[in-house]
Amino acid sequence: MARFLDTTPDTDLERLRKALDECERLATNVKGSGAGVAKLLEEMDEVDALTSRLRQEGADIRSELTRLESIQMRLQDRASDVVREAAAAGGMASLRASVRPPRDRWWWYLDDLVRRRRKRTIVRAILGVLLAFVLIFGGYHLLMIVFPPNPVASKVVSLEADASRALEDGNFKAALDDYQEASQVDPSDGSLRIWVAVLANRVGDAEESKEATAAARKLLPGANFYIRRGYVYLNLGSLDKAAADLERAIELDPSSAMAYYLHGNVMAAQRHVQKAIADYDKAAELAKAQGDARMEGLARIQKAYVLQSGSGAPEPIR
């Protein structure tokens, strides 16, 4: 059983929380930060080191890991802005030169991610393949990368943090209120609608759940909907529902490394160690083939954790 650490200011747990606060602030305000973007990369290093240390010590850092995943997704969405701002310090390569980070610290290699994204965009434009998909589903994320609405993003991050604290206290109604407000602030974010749908169902508001689910399906078509909802179920501890959604996502998109990675987390939480390892291996294999160093690294790290602990990963927050 994971042990709980003292949360006085001099503990690693408290340092991790402060580092996450700083990462959330910096990741939300990348645009215009110039050479200061190096601070964000260094804070990510600090979070990575503290997370690894606390995991080895058996600390309960479930809520902190949830915050970290949100930061990582946001950082990938803002990859182009990070690379653009790093130019003020000579570019990403220059920043890496003094640190020499390994490839699994993927935030130092966001320029590679941006190059791969640009290459894929050019290829798709030339071939005309999946043009409709790009126009319908890729436009919003591209807009967020090029013109990130900082006031909106800041408000959403704040509300998500409030909701996370409410969930830690078991206050599902308060968390629902926060996510409802966040979805009104950013009505084009399907993930927020999924949180509303799942939490509304949890508190017995079937009509709200139905409406939010319908809205989320429109914003996150196909496997994306099931991946995101499976992620929410996983974090709420609804493991059977998470497994079902992620298995559906894999059925719809067998090439999704994220679907396999999250399914592995569910298997680990249910103490199905061998199934979890198989999922992580598949996620790493797919991610490597797709050039996604970040996902490959996450899958390999999680596999190592499960192998080291000899049992499943800590259960998500309930």
C-alpha atoms as a PDB file:
ATOM      1  CA  MET A   1       0.000   0.000   0.000  1.00  0.00           C
ATOM      2  CA  ALA A   2       1.330   3.457  -0.915  1.00  0.00           C
ATOM      3  CA  ARG A   3       2.416   5.496   2.068  1.00  0.00           C
ATOM      4  CA  PHE A   4       1.513   9.123   2.578  1.00  0.00           C
ATOM      5  CA  LEU A   5       4.284  11.658   3.105  1.00  0.00           C
ATOM      6  CA  ASP A   6       4.324  14.639   5.417  1.00  0.00           C
ATOM      7  CA  THR A   7       3.312  17.713   3.432  1.00  0.00           C
ATOM      8  CA  THR A   8       5.390  20.279   5.305  1.00  0.00           C
ATOM      9  CA  PRO A   9       7.223  22.744   3.030  1.00  0.00           C
ATOM     10  CA  ASP A  10      10.580  20.906   3.133  1.00  0.00           C
ATOM     11  CA  THR A  11       9.304  17.596   1.744  1.00  0.00           C
ATOM     12  CA  ASP A  12       9.753  16.298  -1.794  1.00  0.00           C
ATOM     13  CA  LEU A  13       5.970  16.099  -2.112  1.00  0.00           C
ATOM     14  CA  GLU A  14       5.534  19.769  -1.348  1.00  0.00           C
ATOM     15  CA  ARG A  15       8.396  20.645  -3.714  1.00  0.00           C
ATOM     16  CA  LEU A  16       6.678  18.600  -6.420  1.00  0.00           C
ATOM     17  CA  ARG A  17       3.421  20.459  -5.915  1.00  0.00           C
ATOM     18  CA  LYS A  18       5.186  23.823  -6.123  1.00  0.00           C
ATOM     19  CA  ALA A  19       7.048  22.719  -9.260  1.00  0.00           C
ATOM     20  CA  LEU A  20       3.745  21.631 -10.833  1.00  0.00           C
ATOM     21  CA  ASP A  21       2.216  25.016  -9.963  1.00  0.00           C
ATOM     22  CA  GLU A  22       5.113  26.718 -11.729  1.00  0.00           C
ATOM     23  CA  CYS A  23       4.880  24.413 -14.760  1.00  0.00           C
ATOM     24  CA  GLU A  24       1.146  25.109 -15.082  1.00  0.00           C
ATOM     25  CA  ARG A  25       1.790  28.848 -14.945  1.00  0.00           C
ATOM     26  CA  LEU A  26       4.642  28.756 -17.455  1.00  0.00           C
ATOM     27  CA  ALA A  27       2.926  26.341 -19.851  1.00  0.00           C
ATOM     28  CA  THR A  28      -0.153  28.570 -19.911  1.00  0.00           C
ATOM     29  CA  ASN A  29       1.893  31.698 -20.668  1.00  0.00           C
ATOM     30  CA  VAL A  30       4.467  30.428 -23.165  1.00  0.00           C
ATOM     31  CA  LYS A  31       3.733  33.046 -25.790  1.00  0.00           C
ATOM     32  CA  GLY A  32       5.888  36.111 -25.206  1.00  0.00           C
ATOM     33  CA  SER A  33       8.152  34.443 -22.640  1.00  0.00           C
ATOM     34  CA  GLY A  34      11.212  34.553 -24.920  1.00  0.00           C
ATOM     35  CA  ALA A  35      14.376  33.067 -23.455  1.00  0.00           C
ATOM     36  CA  GLY A  36      12.422  32.521 -20.239  1.00  0.00           C
ATOM     37  CA  VAL A  37      10.998  29.384 -21.823  1.00  0.00           C
ATOM     38  CA  ALA A  38      14.148  27.643 -20.567  1.00  0.00           C
ATOM     39  CA  LYS A  39      12.710  27.984 -17.055  1.00  0.00           C
ATOM     40  CA  LEU A  40       9.725  25.847 -18.105  1.00  0.00           C
ATOM     41  CA  LEU A  41      12.012  23.099 -19.419  1.00  0.00           C
ATOM     42  CA  GLU A  42      14.089  23.171 -16.228  1.00  0.00           C
ATOM     43  CA  GLU A  43      10.950  22.979 -14.069  1.00  0.00           C
ATOM     44  CA  MET A  44       9.829  19.943 -16.073  1.00  0.00           C
ATOM     45  CA  ASP A  45      13.195  18.338 -15.224  1.00  0.00           C
ATOM     46  CA  GLU A  46      12.553  19.062 -11.548  1.00  0.00           C
ATOM     47  CA  VAL A  47       9.069  17.524 -11.746  1.00  0.00           C
ATOM     48  CA  ASP A  48      10.468  14.472 -13.523  1.00  0.00           C
ATOM     49  CA  ALA A  49      13.169  13.949 -10.875  1.00  0.00           C
ATOM     50  CA  LEU A  50      10.804  14.430  -7.935  1.00  0.00           C
ATOM     51  CA  THR A  51       8.151  12.177  -9.462  1.00  0.00           C
ATOM     52  CA  SER A  52      10.650   9.368 -10.000  1.00  0.00           C
ATOM     53  CA  ARG A  53      11.986   9.726  -6.465  1.00  0.00           C
ATOM     54  CA  LEU A  54       8.566   9.743  -4.829  1.00  0.00           C
ATOM     55  CA  ARG A  55       7.421   6.741  -6.856  1.00  0.00           C
ATOM     56  CA  GLN A  56      10.471   4.779  -5.729  1.00  0.00           C
ATOM     57  CA  GLU A  57       9.640   5.705  -2.132  1.00  0.00           C
ATOM     58  CA  GLY A  58       6.069   4.448  -2.578  1.00  0.00           C
ATOM     59  CA  ALA A  59       4.461   7.853  -2.084  1.00  0.00           C
ATOM     60  CA  ASP A  60       0.835   8.434  -3.044  1.00  0.00           C
ATOM     61  CA  ILE A  61       1.126  11.006  -5.853  1.00  0.00           C
ATOM     62  CA  ARG A  62      -1.988  10.114  -7.823  1.00  0.00           C
ATOM     63  CA  SER A  63      -3.383  13.644  -7.999  1.00  0.00           C
ATOM     64  CA  GLU A  64       0.049  15.058  -8.867  1.00  0.00           C
ATOM     65  CA  LEU A  65       0.384  12.581 -11.758  1.00  0.00           C
ATOM     66  CA  THR A  66      -3.015  13.680 -13.057  1.00  0.00           C
ATOM     67  CA  ARG A  67      -1.844  17.295 -13.042  1.00  0.00           C
ATOM     68  CA  LEU A  68       1.402  16.272 -14.755  1.00  0.00           C
ATOM     69  CA  GLU A  69      -0.438  14.514 -17.600  1.00  0.00           C
ATOM     70  CA  SER A  70      -2.532  17.645 -18.146  1.00  0.00           C
ATOM     71  CA  ILE A  71       0.625  19.794 -18.290  1.00  0.00           C
ATOM     72  CA  GLN A  72       2.282  17.381 -20.714  1.00  0.00           C
ATOM     73  CA  MET A  73      -0.702  17.459 -23.072  1.00  0.00           C
ATOM     74  CA  ARG A  74      -0.824  21.251 -22.891  1.00  0.00           C
ATOM     75  CA  LEU A  75       2.912  21.494 -23.550  1.00  0.00           C
ATOM     76  CA  GLN A  76       2.600  19.327 -26.652  1.00  0.00           C
ATOM     77  CA  ASP A  77      -0.269  21.496 -27.863  1.00  0.00           C
ATOM     78  CA  ARG A  78       1.967  24.559 -27.431  1.00  0.00           C
ATOM     79  CA  ALA A  79       5.093  22.956 -28.944  1.00  0.00           C
ATOM     80  CA  SER A  80       5.314  25.483 -31.777  1.00  0.00           C
ATOM     81  CA  ASP A  81       5.163  28.386 -29.324  1.00  0.00           C
ATOM     82  CA  VAL A  82       7.887  26.856 -27.150  1.00  0.00           C
ATOM     83  CA  VAL A  83      10.178  26.460 -30.165  1.00  0.00           C
ATOM     84  CA  ARG A  84       9.398  29.983 -31.381  1.00  0.00           C
ATOM     85  CA  GLU A  85      10.155  31.553 -27.988  1.00  0.00           C
ATOM     86  CA  ALA A  86      13.334  29.468 -27.573  1.00  0.00           C
ATOM     87  CA  ALA A  87      14.735  31.265 -30.633  1.00  0.00           C
ATOM     88  CA  ALA A  88      15.433  34.231 -28.331  1.00  0.00           C
ATOM     89  CA  ALA A  89      18.012  32.048 -26.554  1.00  0.00           C
ATOM     90  CA  GLY A  90      19.532  30.680 -29.754  1.00  0.00           C
ATOM     91  CA  GLY A  91      17.011  27.906 -30.317  1.00  0.00           C
ATOM     92  CA  MET A  92      16.210  24.552 -28.749  1.00  0.00           C
ATOM     93  CA  ALA A  93      19.538  23.041 -29.833  1.00  0.00           C
ATOM     94  CA  SER A  94      21.386  25.796 -28.001  1.00  0.00           C
ATOM     95  CA  LEU A  95      19.347  25.255 -24.847  1.00  0.00           C
ATOM     96  CA  ARG A  96      20.042  21.522 -24.997  1.00  0.00           C
ATOM     97  CA  ALA A  97      23.780  22.004 -25.433  1.00  0.00           C
ATOM     98  CA  SER A  98      24.345  22.993 -21.797  1.00  0.00           C
ATOM     99  CA  VAL A  99      21.989  20.358 -20.395  1.00  0.00           C
ATOM    100  CA  ARG A 100      22.504  17.368 -22.688  1.00  0.00           C
ATOM    101  CA  PRO A 101      19.195  15.770 -21.724  1.00  0.00           C
ATOM    102  CA  PRO A 102      18.398  12.166 -22.685  1.00  0.00           C
ATOM    103  CA  ARG A 103      15.710  11.598 -25.316  1.00  0.00           C
ATOM    104  CA  ASP A 104      13.144  10.470 -22.748  1.00  0.00           C
ATOM    105  CA  ARG A 105      13.082  14.046 -21.408  1.00  0.00           C
ATOM    106  CA  TRP A 106      11.078  14.851 -24.533  1.00  0.00           C
ATOM    107  CA  TRP A 107      10.252  18.461 -23.603  1.00  0.00           C
ATOM    108  CA  TRP A 108      13.818  19.418 -24.583  1.00  0.00           C
ATOM    109  CA  TYR A 109      13.147  18.029 -28.078  1.00  0.00           C
ATOM    110  CA  LEU A 110       9.904  19.781 -28.939  1.00  0.00           C
ATOM    111  CA  ASP A 111      11.569  21.132 -32.089  1.00  0.00           C
ATOM    112  CA  ASP A 112      11.676  17.546 -33.362  1.00  0.00           C
ATOM    113  CA  LEU A 113       7.962  17.217 -32.664  1.00  0.00           C
ATOM    114  CA  VAL A 114       7.255  20.466 -34.534  1.00  0.00           C
ATOM    115  CA  ARG A 115       9.302  19.274 -37.532  1.00  0.00           C
ATOM    116  CA  ARG A 116       7.441  15.976 -37.627  1.00  0.00           C
ATOM    117  CA  ARG A 117       4.121  17.784 -37.457  1.00  0.00           C
ATOM    118  CA  ARG A 118       5.096  20.075 -40.307  1.00  0.00           C
ATOM    119  CA  LYS A 119       6.285  17.159 -42.411  1.00  0.00           C
ATOM    120  CA  ARG A 120       3.043  15.288 -41.884  1.00  0.00           C
ATOM    121  CA  THR A 121       1.060  18.405 -42.812  1.00  0.00           C
ATOM    122  CA  ILE A 122       2.979  18.813 -46.067  1.00  0.00           C
ATOM    123  CA  VAL A 123       2.593  15.167 -47.001  1.00  0.00           C
ATOM    124  CA  ARG A 124      -1.133  15.254 -46.346  1.00  0.00           C
ATOM    125  CA  ALA A 125      -1.501  18.450 -48.374  1.00  0.00           C
ATOM    126  CA  ILE A 126       0.347  16.929 -51.326  1.00  0.00           C
ATOM    127  CA  LEU A 127      -1.462  13.636 -51.326  1.00  0.00           C
ATOM    128  CA  GLY A 128      -4.853  15.016 -50.373  1.00  0.00           C
ATOM    129  CA  VAL A 129      -5.255  12.059 -48.021  1.00  0.00           C
ATOM    130  CA  LEU A 130      -7.477  12.589 -45.012  1.00  0.00           C
ATOM    131  CA  LEU A 131      -8.068  16.191 -46.006  1.00  0.00           C
ATOM    132  CA  ALA A 132     -11.570  16.186 -44.554  1.00  0.00           C
ATOM    133  CA  PHE A 133     -10.269  14.733 -41.288  1.00  0.00           C
ATOM    134  CA  VAL A 134      -7.666  17.470 -40.976  1.00  0.00           C
ATOM    135  CA  LEU A 135     -10.160  20.220 -41.744  1.00  0.00           C
ATOM    136  CA  ILE A 136     -12.779  18.936 -39.336  1.00  0.00           C
ATOM    137  CA  PHE A 137     -10.711  17.593 -36.459  1.00  0.00           C
ATOM    138  CA  GLY A 138      -7.313  19.245 -36.731  1.00  0.00           C
ATOM    139  CA  GLY A 139      -8.351  22.848 -37.206  1.00  0.00           C
ATOM    140  CA  TYR A 140      -9.065  23.594 -33.566  1.00  0.00           C
ATOM    141  CA  HIS A 141      -5.796  22.199 -32.247  1.00  0.00           C
ATOM    142  CA  LEU A 142      -3.823  24.032 -34.960  1.00  0.00           C
ATOM    143  CA  LEU A 143      -5.563  27.249 -33.967  1.00  0.00           C
ATOM    144  CA  MET A 144      -4.680  26.652 -30.321  1.00  0.00           C
ATOM    145  CA  ILE A 145      -1.001  26.210 -31.232  1.00  0.00           C
ATOM    146  CA  VAL A 146      -0.733  29.313 -33.428  1.00  0.00           C
ATOM    147  CA  PHE A 147      -3.052  31.648 -31.522  1.00  0.00           C
ATOM    148  CA  PRO A 148      -3.417  30.297 -27.979  1.00  0.00           C
ATOM    149  CA  PRO A 149      -6.037  32.340 -26.083  1.00  0.00           C
ATOM    150  CA  ASN A 150      -4.110  32.881 -22.888  1.00  0.00           C
ATOM    151  CA  PRO A 151      -6.972  34.332 -20.787  1.00  0.00           C
ATOM    152  CA  VAL A 152      -9.212  31.415 -21.715  1.00  0.00           C
ATOM    153  CA  ALA A 153      -6.486  28.836 -21.121  1.00  0.00           C
ATOM    154  CA  SER A 154      -5.585  30.378 -17.773  1.00  0.00           C
ATOM    155  CA  LYS A 155      -9.203  30.302 -16.610  1.00  0.00           C
ATOM    156  CA  VAL A 156      -9.644  26.688 -17.713  1.00  0.00           C
ATOM    157  CA  VAL A 157      -6.440  25.605 -15.956  1.00  0.00           C
ATOM    158  CA  SER A 158      -7.602  27.306 -12.755  1.00  0.00           C
ATOM    159  CA  LEU A 159     -11.008  25.635 -12.889  1.00  0.00           C
ATOM    160  CA  GLU A 160      -9.446  22.236 -13.624  1.00  0.00           C
ATOM    161  CA  ALA A 161      -7.191  22.658 -10.589  1.00  0.00           C
ATOM    162  CA  ASP A 162     -10.226  23.514  -8.436  1.00  0.00           C
ATOM    163  CA  ALA A 163     -12.040  20.449  -9.770  1.00  0.00           C
ATOM    164  CA  SER A 164      -9.043  18.234  -9.023  1.00  0.00           C
ATOM    165  CA  ARG A 165      -8.997  19.412  -5.411  1.00  0.00           C
ATOM    166  CA  ALA A 166     -12.749  18.821  -5.130  1.00  0.00           C
ATOM    167  CA  LEU A 167     -12.312  15.268  -6.406  1.00  0.00           C
ATOM    168  CA  GLU A 168      -9.582  14.635  -3.861  1.00  0.00           C
ATOM    169  CA  ASP A 169     -12.121  15.608  -1.190  1.00  0.00           C
ATOM    170  CA  GLY A 170     -14.773  13.369  -2.776  1.00  0.00           C
ATOM    171  CA  ASN A 171     -16.940  16.376  -3.634  1.00  0.00           C
ATOM    172  CA  PHE A 172     -18.240  15.342  -7.069  1.00  0.00           C
ATOM    173  CA  LYS A 173     -20.877  18.099  -7.205  1.00  0.00           C
ATOM    174  CA  ALA A 174     -18.280  20.829  -6.716  1.00  0.00           C
ATOM    175  CA  ALA A 175     -16.046  19.231  -9.334  1.00  0.00           C
ATOM    176  CA  LEU A 176     -19.002  19.082 -11.734  1.00  0.00           C
ATOM    177  CA  ASP A 177     -19.691  22.782 -11.182  1.00  0.00           C
ATOM    178  CA  ASP A 178     -16.056  23.603 -11.981  1.00  0.00           C
ATOM    179  CA  TYR A 179     -16.049  21.551 -15.176  1.00  0.00           C
ATOM    180  CA  GLN A 180     -19.402  22.998 -16.268  1.00  0.00           C
ATOM    181  CA  GLU A 181     -17.970  26.491 -15.897  1.00  0.00           C
ATOM    182  CA  ALA A 182     -14.771  25.455 -17.706  1.00  0.00           C
ATOM    183  CA  SER A 183     -16.788  24.027 -20.611  1.00  0.00           C
ATOM    184  CA  GLN A 184     -18.632  27.335 -20.867  1.00  0.00           C
ATOM    185  CA  VAL A 185     -15.323  29.213 -20.917  1.00  0.00           C
ATOM    186  CA  ASP A 186     -14.016  26.922 -23.671  1.00  0.00           C
ATOM    187  CA  PRO A 187     -17.015  25.248 -25.353  1.00  0.00           C
ATOM    188  CA  SER A 188     -14.822  23.717 -28.088  1.00  0.00           C
ATOM    189  CA  ASP A 189     -12.872  21.483 -25.669  1.00  0.00           C
ATOM    190  CA  GLY A 190     -14.433  18.036 -25.882  1.00  0.00           C
ATOM    191  CA  SER A 191     -12.476  16.725 -22.907  1.00  0.00           C
ATOM    192  CA  LEU A 192     -14.212  19.207 -20.604  1.00  0.00           C
ATOM    193  CA  ARG A 193     -17.592  18.018 -21.874  1.00  0.00           C
ATOM    194  CA  ILE A 194     -16.635  14.434 -21.082  1.00  0.00           C
ATOM    195  CA  TRP A 195     -15.786  15.373 -17.505  1.00  0.00           C
ATOM    196  CA  VAL A 196     -19.194  17.067 -17.240  1.00  0.00           C
ATOM    197  CA  ALA A 197     -20.948  14.002 -18.685  1.00  0.00           C
ATOM    198  CA  VAL A 198     -19.264  11.513 -16.367  1.00  0.00           C
ATOM    199  CA  LEU A 199     -19.584  13.630 -13.215  1.00  0.00           C
ATOM    200  CA  ALA A 200     -23.203  14.526 -13.972  1.00  0.00           C
ATOM    201  CA  ASN A 201     -23.964  10.828 -14.228  1.00  0.00           C
ATOM    202  CA  ARG A 202     -22.121  10.259 -10.944  1.00  0.00           C
ATOM    203  CA  VAL A 203     -24.302  12.783  -9.096  1.00  0.00           C
ATOM    204  CA  GLY A 204     -27.505  11.522 -10.719  1.00  0.00           C
ATOM    205  CA  ASP A 205     -28.141  14.234 -13.319  1.00  0.00           C
ATOM    206  CA  ALA A 206     -28.971  11.972 -16.266  1.00  0.00           C
ATOM    207  CA  GLU A 207     -30.190  14.765 -18.563  1.00  0.00           C
ATOM    208  CA  GLU A 208     -27.036  16.845 -18.155  1.00  0.00           C
ATOM    209  CA  SER A 209     -24.924  13.720 -18.675  1.00  0.00           C
ATOM    210  CA  LYS A 210     -26.777  12.881 -21.887  1.00  0.00           C
ATOM    211  CA  GLU A 211     -26.423  16.393 -23.317  1.00  0.00           C
ATOM    212  CA  ALA A 212     -22.729  16.643 -22.443  1.00  0.00           C
ATOM    213  CA  THR A 213     -22.029  13.206 -23.922  1.00  0.00           C
ATOM    214  CA  ALA A 214     -23.692  14.185 -27.196  1.00  0.00           C
ATOM    215  CA  ALA A 215     -21.654  17.399 -27.343  1.00  0.00           C
ATOM    216  CA  ALA A 216     -18.430  15.536 -26.585  1.00  0.00           C
ATOM    217  CA  ARG A 217     -19.073  12.991 -29.340  1.00  0.00           C
ATOM    218  CA  LYS A 218     -19.358  15.803 -31.871  1.00  0.00           C
ATOM    219  CA  LEU A 219     -16.103  17.388 -30.688  1.00  0.00           C
ATOM    220  CA  LEU A 220     -14.195  14.129 -30.294  1.00  0.00           C
ATOM    221  CA  PRO A 221     -15.282  11.711 -33.023  1.00  0.00           C
ATOM    222  CA  GLY A 222     -14.355   8.056 -33.285  1.00  0.00           C
ATOM    223  CA  ALA A 223     -11.666   6.617 -31.053  1.00  0.00           C
ATOM    224  CA  ASN A 224     -10.822  10.035 -29.559  1.00  0.00           C
ATOM    225  CA  PHE A 225     -14.078  10.102 -27.611  1.00  0.00           C
ATOM    226  CA  TYR A 226     -13.468   6.699 -26.038  1.00  0.00           C
ATOM    227  CA  ILE A 227      -9.816   7.483 -25.278  1.00  0.00           C
ATOM    228  CA  ARG A 228     -10.735  10.668 -23.440  1.00  0.00           C
ATOM    229  CA  ARG A 229     -13.673   9.166 -21.592  1.00  0.00           C
ATOM    230  CA  GLY A 230     -11.592   6.124 -20.656  1.00  0.00           C
ATOM    231  CA  TYR A 231      -8.996   8.519 -19.235  1.00  0.00           C
ATOM    232  CA  VAL A 232     -11.678  10.226 -17.114  1.00  0.00           C
ATOM    233  CA  TYR A 233     -13.072   6.922 -15.862  1.00  0.00           C
ATOM    234  CA  LEU A 234      -9.529   5.801 -15.008  1.00  0.00           C
ATOM    235  CA  ASN A 235      -8.893   8.914 -12.933  1.00  0.00           C
ATOM    236  CA  LEU A 236     -12.186   8.479 -11.104  1.00  0.00           C
ATOM    237  CA  GLY A 237     -11.413   4.848 -10.320  1.00  0.00           C
ATOM    238  CA  SER A 238     -14.189   3.425 -12.543  1.00  0.00           C
ATOM    239  CA  LEU A 239     -11.815   0.814 -13.889  1.00  0.00           C
ATOM    240  CA  ASP A 240     -14.293  -1.514 -15.594  1.00  0.00           C
ATOM    241  CA  LYS A 241     -15.829   1.381 -17.510  1.00  0.00           C
ATOM    242  CA  ALA A 242     -12.364   2.695 -18.373  1.00  0.00           C
ATOM    243  CA  ALA A 243     -11.325  -0.708 -19.693  1.00  0.00           C
ATOM    244  CA  ALA A 244     -14.456  -0.998 -21.835  1.00  0.00           C
ATOM    245  CA  ASP A 245     -13.981   2.445 -23.385  1.00  0.00           C
ATOM    246  CA  LEU A 246     -10.294   1.926 -24.097  1.00  0.00           C
ATOM    247  CA  GLU A 247     -10.919  -1.484 -25.634  1.00  0.00           C
ATOM    248  CA  ARG A 248     -13.482   0.180 -27.903  1.00  0.00           C
ATOM    249  CA  ALA A 249     -10.918   2.845 -28.800  1.00  0.00           C
ATOM    250  CA  ILE A 250      -8.374   0.163 -29.730  1.00  0.00           C
ATOM    251  CA  GLU A 251     -11.008  -1.560 -31.848  1.00  0.00           C
ATOM    252  CA  LEU A 252     -11.719   1.694 -33.696  1.00  0.00           C
ATOM    253  CA  ASP A 253      -8.059   2.717 -33.986  1.00  0.00           C
ATOM    254  CA  PRO A 254      -5.574  -0.166 -33.525  1.00  0.00           C
ATOM    255  CA  SER A 255      -2.702   2.250 -34.212  1.00  0.00           C
ATOM    256  CA  SER A 256      -3.410   4.451 -31.162  1.00  0.00           C
ATOM    257  CA  ALA A 257      -0.462   4.289 -28.794  1.00  0.00           C
ATOM    258  CA  MET A 258      -2.370   6.414 -26.287  1.00  0.00           C
ATOM    259  CA  ALA A 259      -5.239   3.917 -26.163  1.00  0.00           C
ATOM    260  CA  TYR A 260      -2.864   1.041 -25.410  1.00  0.00           C
ATOM    261  CA  TYR A 261      -0.965   3.128 -22.842  1.00  0.00           C
ATOM    262  CA  LEU A 262      -4.112   4.068 -20.919  1.00  0.00           C
ATOM    263  CA  HIS A 263      -5.449   0.510 -21.147  1.00  0.00           C
ATOM    264  CA  GLY A 264      -2.153  -0.604 -19.625  1.00  0.00           C
ATOM    265  CA  ASN A 265      -2.729   1.810 -16.742  1.00  0.00           C
ATOM    266  CA  VAL A 266      -6.154   0.265 -16.165  1.00  0.00           C
ATOM    267  CA  MET A 267      -4.714  -3.248 -16.212  1.00  0.00           C
ATOM    268  CA  ALA A 268      -2.002  -2.173 -13.774  1.00  0.00           C
ATOM    269  CA  ALA A 269      -4.558  -0.611 -11.428  1.00  0.00           C
ATOM    270  CA  GLN A 270      -6.512  -3.886 -11.531  1.00  0.00           C
ATOM    271  CA  ARG A 271      -3.306  -5.798 -10.743  1.00  0.00           C
ATOM    272  CA  HIS A 272      -3.257  -7.556 -14.144  1.00  0.00           C
ATOM    273  CA  VAL A 273       0.487  -7.081 -14.394  1.00  0.00           C
ATOM    274  CA  GLN A 274       1.229  -9.185 -17.483  1.00  0.00           C
ATOM    275  CA  LYS A 275      -1.637  -7.608 -19.434  1.00  0.00           C
ATOM    276  CA  ALA A 276      -0.385  -4.163 -18.432  1.00  0.00           C
ATOM    277  CA  ILE A 277       3.144  -4.955 -19.601  1.00  0.00           C
ATOM    278  CA  ALA A 278       1.819  -6.231 -22.939  1.00  0.00           C
ATOM    279  CA  ASP A 279      -0.129  -2.988 -23.393  1.00  0.00           C
ATOM    280  CA  TYR A 280       2.897  -0.829 -22.564  1.00  0.00           C
ATOM    281  CA  ASP A 281       5.042  -2.798 -25.006  1.00  0.00           C
ATOM    282  CA  LYS A 282       2.456  -2.288 -27.741  1.00  0.00           C
ATOM    283  CA  ALA A 283       2.138   1.417 -26.938  1.00  0.00           C
ATOM    284  CA  ALA A 284       5.917   1.854 -27.076  1.00  0.00           C
ATOM    285  CA  GLU A 285       6.122  -0.090 -30.354  1.00  0.00           C
ATOM    286  CA  LEU A 286       3.425   2.021 -32.007  1.00  0.00           C
ATOM    287  CA  ALA A 287       4.832   5.287 -30.640  1.00  0.00           C
ATOM    288  CA  LYS A 288       8.317   4.478 -31.891  1.00  0.00           C
ATOM    289  CA  ALA A 289       6.999   3.673 -35.370  1.00  0.00           C
ATOM    290  CA  GLN A 290       5.096   6.981 -35.362  1.00  0.00           C
ATOM    291  CA  GLY A 291       8.072   9.003 -34.122  1.00  0.00           C
ATOM    292  CA  ASP A 292       6.380   9.925 -30.847  1.00  0.00           C
ATOM    293  CA  ALA A 293       9.304   9.908 -28.403  1.00  0.00           C
ATOM    294  CA  ARG A 294       7.189  11.307 -25.589  1.00  0.00           C
ATOM    295  CA  MET A 295       4.638   8.488 -25.669  1.00  0.00           C
ATOM    296  CA  GLU A 296       7.323   5.859 -26.165  1.00  0.00           C
ATOM    297  CA  GLY A 297       9.134   7.165 -23.094  1.00  0.00           C
ATOM    298  CA  LEU A 298       5.962   7.235 -20.986  1.00  0.00           C
ATOM    299  CA  ALA A 299       5.115   3.646 -21.906  1.00  0.00           C
ATOM    300  CA  ARG A 300       8.609   2.352 -21.117  1.00  0.00           C
ATOM    301  CA  ILE A 301       8.782   4.245 -17.818  1.00  0.00           C
ATOM    302  CA  GLN A 302       5.384   2.944 -16.722  1.00  0.00           C
ATOM    303  CA  LYS A 303       6.344  -0.603 -17.681  1.00  0.00           C
ATOM    304  CA  ALA A 304       9.531  -0.292 -15.621  1.00  0.00           C
ATOM    305  CA  TYR A 305       7.523   0.966 -12.650  1.00  0.00           C
ATOM    306  CA  VAL A 306       5.116  -1.984 -12.809  1.00  0.00           C
ATOM    307  CA  LEU A 307       7.976  -4.460 -13.166  1.00  0.00           C
ATOM    308  CA  GLN A 308       9.853  -2.886 -10.261  1.00  0.00           C
ATOM    309  CA  SER A 309       6.869  -2.765  -7.930  1.00  0.00           C
ATOM    310  CA  GLY A 310       5.766  -6.302  -8.804  1.00  0.00           C
ATOM    311  CA  SER A 311       2.137  -5.163  -8.717  1.00  0.00           C
ATOM    312  CA  GLY A 312      -0.153  -2.646 -10.297  1.00  0.00           C
ATOM    313  CA  ALA A 313       0.331   1.104 -10.330  1.00  0.00           C
ATOM    314  CA  PRO A 314      -1.386   3.199  -7.639  1.00  0.00           C
ATOM    315  CA  GLU A 315      -5.099   3.505  -8.329  1.00  0.00           C
ATOM    316  CA  PRO A 316      -6.316   6.823  -9.770  1.00  0.00           C
ATOM    317  CA  ILE A 317      -8.067   9.296  -7.478  1.00  0.00           C
ATOM    318  CA  ARG A 318     -11.657   8.434  -6.622  1.00  0.00           C
END
